[in-house]
Amino acid sequence: FVTTGLELWSGEDCAKRYFRQRLWGSVTMAQAFFSDRECWRRHISLDPYTGMDPPNIRLRASQGFEAADYFMGNYWVWGKMLENLADVGYDGSMMTMM
C-alpha cells in the first residue's frame, strides 16, 4: 500500500494558485476539483502519447513525512506510527520516509 500527495510545481493559469499544494491526497484536491473540474483533470492526467507530464504541467510527489502521514485530512496512513515513534523519542533527524 503506497500513498503520497502530488504537488503542483508548474501548471496552466487556472491552477497557478495551487503552486506547491497537493492536487492529489488532500483537502486542496477537493477544492480544486469542485472549483474547476476540467482544470483539475488536465493537471492530474498524464500525456496520452508519452505517459509523462502534459506540456507546461509538472506534478511531483510530496516530500518527507507530510507526504504519507495522512491521506485526505483524517485518514491516517503512517501518521499514528509517526506519533508513536515520537512518543518514544524518535524525531525527524532519526527517520526517513522513502
N, C-alpha and C. Protein backbone atom coordinates (compact mmCIF):
# COMPACT_ATOMS: atom_id res chain seq x y z
N PHE A 1 0.83 -1.17 0.00
CA PHE A 1 0.00 0.00 0.00
C PHE A 1 0.88 1.23 0.00
N VAL A 2 0.73 2.06 -1.00
CA VAL A 2 1.55 3.26 -1.12
C VAL A 2 0.63 4.44 -1.37
N THR A 3 0.88 5.53 -0.70
CA THR A 3 0.14 6.76 -0.97
C THR A 3 1.06 7.94 -0.76
N THR A 4 0.82 8.96 -1.50
CA THR A 4 1.56 10.20 -1.33
C THR A 4 0.74 11.32 -1.92
N GLY A 5 1.07 12.52 -1.56
CA GLY A 5 0.44 13.68 -2.17
C GLY A 5 1.19 14.06 -3.43
N LEU A 6 0.48 14.59 -4.40
CA LEU A 6 1.09 15.11 -5.61
C LEU A 6 0.96 16.62 -5.60
N GLU A 7 2.10 17.31 -5.64
CA GLU A 7 2.12 18.78 -5.59
C GLU A 7 2.28 19.36 -6.98
N LEU A 8 1.64 20.49 -7.19
CA LEU A 8 1.77 21.21 -8.45
C LEU A 8 3.02 22.08 -8.42
N TRP A 9 3.92 21.89 -9.38
CA TRP A 9 5.13 22.70 -9.49
C TRP A 9 5.06 23.63 -10.70
N SER A 10 4.26 23.29 -11.67
CA SER A 10 4.09 24.12 -12.85
C SER A 10 2.76 23.76 -13.47
N GLY A 11 2.02 24.78 -13.93
CA GLY A 11 0.72 24.48 -14.49
C GLY A 11 0.14 25.62 -15.30
N GLU A 12 -1.08 25.40 -15.74
CA GLU A 12 -1.80 26.40 -16.50
C GLU A 12 -2.27 27.52 -15.57
N ASP A 13 -2.72 28.61 -16.16
CA ASP A 13 -3.17 29.76 -15.38
C ASP A 13 -4.30 29.41 -14.40
N CYS A 14 -5.16 28.48 -14.79
CA CYS A 14 -6.30 28.12 -13.93
C CYS A 14 -5.86 27.47 -12.62
N ALA A 15 -4.62 27.00 -12.56
CA ALA A 15 -4.15 26.29 -11.36
C ALA A 15 -2.98 27.00 -10.67
N LYS A 16 -2.61 28.19 -11.09
CA LYS A 16 -1.46 28.89 -10.51
C LYS A 16 -1.59 29.05 -9.00
N ARG A 17 -2.81 29.22 -8.50
CA ARG A 17 -2.99 29.44 -7.06
C ARG A 17 -2.67 28.20 -6.22
N TYR A 18 -2.51 27.05 -6.87
CA TYR A 18 -2.21 25.81 -6.16
C TYR A 18 -0.72 25.45 -6.19
N PHE A 19 0.15 26.40 -6.54
CA PHE A 19 1.58 26.12 -6.60
C PHE A 19 2.05 25.54 -5.28
N ARG A 20 2.75 24.40 -5.36
CA ARG A 20 3.30 23.65 -4.22
C ARG A 20 2.23 23.18 -3.24
N GLN A 21 1.00 23.08 -3.70
CA GLN A 21 -0.07 22.50 -2.90
C GLN A 21 -0.47 21.18 -3.55
N ARG A 22 -1.04 20.31 -2.76
CA ARG A 22 -1.40 18.98 -3.26
C ARG A 22 -2.65 19.03 -4.13
N LEU A 23 -2.52 18.50 -5.33
CA LEU A 23 -3.69 18.30 -6.18
C LEU A 23 -4.17 16.87 -6.07
N TRP A 24 -3.46 16.04 -5.33
CA TRP A 24 -3.90 14.68 -5.04
C TRP A 24 -3.58 14.37 -3.58
N GLY A 25 -4.56 13.89 -2.86
CA GLY A 25 -4.33 13.41 -1.50
C GLY A 25 -4.51 14.45 -0.41
N SER A 26 -5.36 15.45 -0.64
CA SER A 26 -5.58 16.46 0.40
C SER A 26 -6.93 17.14 0.22
N VAL A 27 -7.24 17.99 1.17
CA VAL A 27 -8.46 18.79 1.06
C VAL A 27 -8.34 19.77 -0.10
N THR A 28 -7.12 20.23 -0.39
CA THR A 28 -6.90 21.11 -1.54
C THR A 28 -7.33 20.43 -2.82
N MET A 29 -7.15 19.11 -2.90
CA MET A 29 -7.60 18.35 -4.07
C MET A 29 -9.10 18.54 -4.28
N ALA A 30 -9.87 18.42 -3.22
CA ALA A 30 -11.32 18.58 -3.32
C ALA A 30 -11.68 20.01 -3.73
N GLN A 31 -10.99 21.00 -3.16
CA GLN A 31 -11.26 22.39 -3.52
C GLN A 31 -10.98 22.62 -5.00
N ALA A 32 -9.85 22.14 -5.48
CA ALA A 32 -9.50 22.30 -6.90
C ALA A 32 -10.50 21.58 -7.79
N PHE A 33 -10.90 20.39 -7.40
CA PHE A 33 -11.84 19.59 -8.19
C PHE A 33 -13.19 20.29 -8.30
N PHE A 34 -13.72 20.76 -7.19
CA PHE A 34 -15.05 21.37 -7.21
C PHE A 34 -15.07 22.79 -7.77
N SER A 35 -13.93 23.48 -7.72
CA SER A 35 -13.92 24.84 -8.27
C SER A 35 -13.76 24.84 -9.79
N ASP A 36 -13.00 23.89 -10.34
CA ASP A 36 -12.79 23.81 -11.79
C ASP A 36 -12.37 22.39 -12.15
N ARG A 37 -13.34 21.54 -12.40
CA ARG A 37 -13.08 20.12 -12.64
C ARG A 37 -12.19 19.87 -13.85
N GLU A 38 -12.44 20.60 -14.92
CA GLU A 38 -11.64 20.38 -16.14
C GLU A 38 -10.19 20.78 -15.95
N CYS A 39 -9.95 21.87 -15.26
CA CYS A 39 -8.59 22.29 -14.96
C CYS A 39 -7.90 21.23 -14.10
N TRP A 40 -8.58 20.76 -13.06
CA TRP A 40 -8.02 19.73 -12.18
C TRP A 40 -7.72 18.46 -12.97
N ARG A 41 -8.65 18.05 -13.82
CA ARG A 41 -8.47 16.83 -14.62
C ARG A 41 -7.27 16.94 -15.56
N ARG A 42 -7.10 18.11 -16.20
CA ARG A 42 -5.94 18.28 -17.09
C ARG A 42 -4.63 18.18 -16.32
N HIS A 43 -4.61 18.68 -15.10
CA HIS A 43 -3.39 18.68 -14.32
C HIS A 43 -3.08 17.32 -13.70
N ILE A 44 -4.09 16.52 -13.43
CA ILE A 44 -3.87 15.22 -12.79
C ILE A 44 -3.65 14.11 -13.82
N SER A 45 -3.92 14.39 -15.10
CA SER A 45 -3.79 13.39 -16.16
C SER A 45 -2.39 13.35 -16.73
N LEU A 46 -2.02 12.19 -17.26
CA LEU A 46 -0.76 12.04 -17.97
C LEU A 46 -0.96 12.28 -19.46
N ASP A 47 0.09 12.63 -20.14
CA ASP A 47 0.04 12.79 -21.58
C ASP A 47 -0.31 11.43 -22.19
N PRO A 48 -1.33 11.36 -23.05
CA PRO A 48 -1.77 10.06 -23.58
C PRO A 48 -0.76 9.39 -24.52
N TYR A 49 0.18 10.16 -25.06
CA TYR A 49 1.15 9.60 -26.01
C TYR A 49 2.46 9.22 -25.34
N THR A 50 2.92 10.04 -24.41
CA THR A 50 4.22 9.79 -23.79
C THR A 50 4.13 9.15 -22.42
N GLY A 51 2.99 9.30 -21.75
CA GLY A 51 2.85 8.80 -20.39
C GLY A 51 3.56 9.68 -19.37
N MET A 52 4.04 10.83 -19.81
CA MET A 52 4.74 11.77 -18.94
C MET A 52 3.80 12.93 -18.60
N ASP A 53 4.35 13.98 -17.99
CA ASP A 53 3.56 15.17 -17.72
C ASP A 53 3.10 15.79 -19.03
N PRO A 54 1.88 16.34 -19.05
CA PRO A 54 1.46 17.10 -20.23
C PRO A 54 2.34 18.34 -20.39
N PRO A 55 2.35 18.96 -21.56
CA PRO A 55 3.16 20.16 -21.76
C PRO A 55 2.80 21.26 -20.74
N ASN A 56 3.81 21.88 -20.17
CA ASN A 56 3.68 23.00 -19.22
C ASN A 56 3.03 22.63 -17.89
N ILE A 57 2.91 21.36 -17.59
CA ILE A 57 2.33 20.92 -16.31
C ILE A 57 3.32 19.97 -15.64
N ARG A 58 3.62 20.23 -14.37
CA ARG A 58 4.51 19.34 -13.61
C ARG A 58 3.91 19.07 -12.24
N LEU A 59 3.54 17.83 -11.99
CA LEU A 59 3.13 17.37 -10.67
C LEU A 59 4.25 16.48 -10.14
N ARG A 60 4.60 16.66 -8.89
CA ARG A 60 5.64 15.86 -8.29
C ARG A 60 5.20 15.34 -6.93
N ALA A 61 5.75 14.23 -6.52
CA ALA A 61 5.41 13.65 -5.23
C ALA A 61 5.84 14.58 -4.11
N SER A 62 4.99 14.68 -3.09
CA SER A 62 5.34 15.45 -1.90
C SER A 62 6.53 14.79 -1.22
N GLN A 63 7.25 15.56 -0.44
CA GLN A 63 8.46 15.07 0.20
C GLN A 63 8.27 14.96 1.71
N GLY A 64 9.01 14.05 2.31
CA GLY A 64 9.06 13.96 3.76
C GLY A 64 7.87 13.24 4.38
N PHE A 65 7.74 13.41 5.69
CA PHE A 65 6.69 12.73 6.44
C PHE A 65 5.30 13.20 6.04
N GLU A 66 5.19 14.47 5.67
CA GLU A 66 3.90 15.01 5.27
C GLU A 66 3.34 14.33 4.03
N ALA A 67 4.21 13.69 3.25
CA ALA A 67 3.79 13.03 2.02
C ALA A 67 2.95 11.79 2.28
N ALA A 68 3.13 11.13 3.42
CA ALA A 68 2.45 9.86 3.63
C ALA A 68 1.85 9.69 5.02
N ASP A 69 1.81 10.74 5.83
CA ASP A 69 1.26 10.55 7.17
C ASP A 69 -0.26 10.46 7.15
N TYR A 70 -0.92 11.37 6.47
CA TYR A 70 -2.39 11.36 6.37
C TYR A 70 -2.80 11.51 4.93
N PHE A 71 -3.92 10.88 4.58
CA PHE A 71 -4.49 11.00 3.24
C PHE A 71 -5.85 11.66 3.39
N MET A 72 -6.08 12.74 2.69
CA MET A 72 -7.35 13.47 2.73
C MET A 72 -7.72 13.89 4.15
N GLY A 73 -6.81 14.44 4.85
CA GLY A 73 -7.10 15.01 6.16
C GLY A 73 -7.07 14.03 7.30
N ASN A 74 -8.16 13.31 7.53
CA ASN A 74 -8.30 12.49 8.73
C ASN A 74 -8.00 11.01 8.54
N TYR A 75 -7.72 10.58 7.34
CA TYR A 75 -7.43 9.16 7.10
C TYR A 75 -5.93 8.94 7.24
N TRP A 76 -5.54 8.36 8.36
CA TRP A 76 -4.11 8.20 8.60
C TRP A 76 -3.57 7.00 7.84
N VAL A 77 -2.37 7.16 7.35
CA VAL A 77 -1.66 6.09 6.68
C VAL A 77 -0.48 5.70 7.57
N TRP A 78 0.44 6.63 7.76
CA TRP A 78 1.59 6.42 8.64
C TRP A 78 1.57 7.37 9.83
N GLY A 79 0.59 8.24 9.93
CA GLY A 79 0.53 9.25 10.98
C GLY A 79 0.57 8.69 12.38
N LYS A 80 -0.19 7.66 12.65
CA LYS A 80 -0.21 7.06 14.00
C LYS A 80 1.14 6.46 14.36
N MET A 81 1.77 5.81 13.38
CA MET A 81 3.09 5.23 13.62
C MET A 81 4.10 6.33 13.94
N LEU A 82 4.06 7.42 13.19
CA LEU A 82 4.98 8.54 13.44
C LEU A 82 4.75 9.15 14.82
N GLU A 83 3.49 9.29 15.21
CA GLU A 83 3.19 9.83 16.55
C GLU A 83 3.73 8.91 17.64
N ASN A 84 3.53 7.62 17.48
CA ASN A 84 4.03 6.66 18.47
C ASN A 84 5.55 6.64 18.54
N LEU A 85 6.21 6.74 17.40
CA LEU A 85 7.67 6.79 17.41
C LEU A 85 8.17 8.07 18.08
N ALA A 86 7.47 9.18 17.87
CA ALA A 86 7.83 10.43 18.55
C ALA A 86 7.67 10.29 20.06
N ASP A 87 6.64 9.56 20.49
CA ASP A 87 6.42 9.36 21.93
C ASP A 87 7.56 8.60 22.61
N VAL A 88 8.27 7.77 21.86
CA VAL A 88 9.38 7.02 22.46
C VAL A 88 10.75 7.64 22.13
N GLY A 89 10.74 8.88 21.60
CA GLY A 89 11.98 9.61 21.45
C GLY A 89 12.52 9.83 20.05
N TYR A 90 11.88 9.27 19.05
CA TYR A 90 12.36 9.49 17.68
C TYR A 90 11.94 10.87 17.19
N ASP A 91 12.72 11.44 16.26
CA ASP A 91 12.34 12.68 15.61
C ASP A 91 12.75 12.63 14.14
N GLY A 92 12.51 13.71 13.43
CA GLY A 92 12.78 13.74 12.00
C GLY A 92 14.24 13.53 11.61
N SER A 93 15.16 13.78 12.52
CA SER A 93 16.58 13.58 12.20
C SER A 93 16.98 12.11 12.32
N MET A 94 16.12 11.28 12.91
CA MET A 94 16.45 9.87 13.11
C MET A 94 15.71 8.94 12.14
N MET A 95 14.78 9.50 11.38
CA MET A 95 13.94 8.68 10.49
C MET A 95 13.90 9.29 9.09
N THR A 96 13.58 8.44 8.11
CA THR A 96 13.45 8.90 6.74
C THR A 96 12.22 8.25 6.13
N MET A 97 11.44 9.02 5.40
CA MET A 97 10.29 8.48 4.68
C MET A 97 10.70 8.28 3.23
N MET A 98 10.63 7.03 2.76
CA MET A 98 11.06 6.72 1.39
C MET A 98 9.87 6.33 0.55
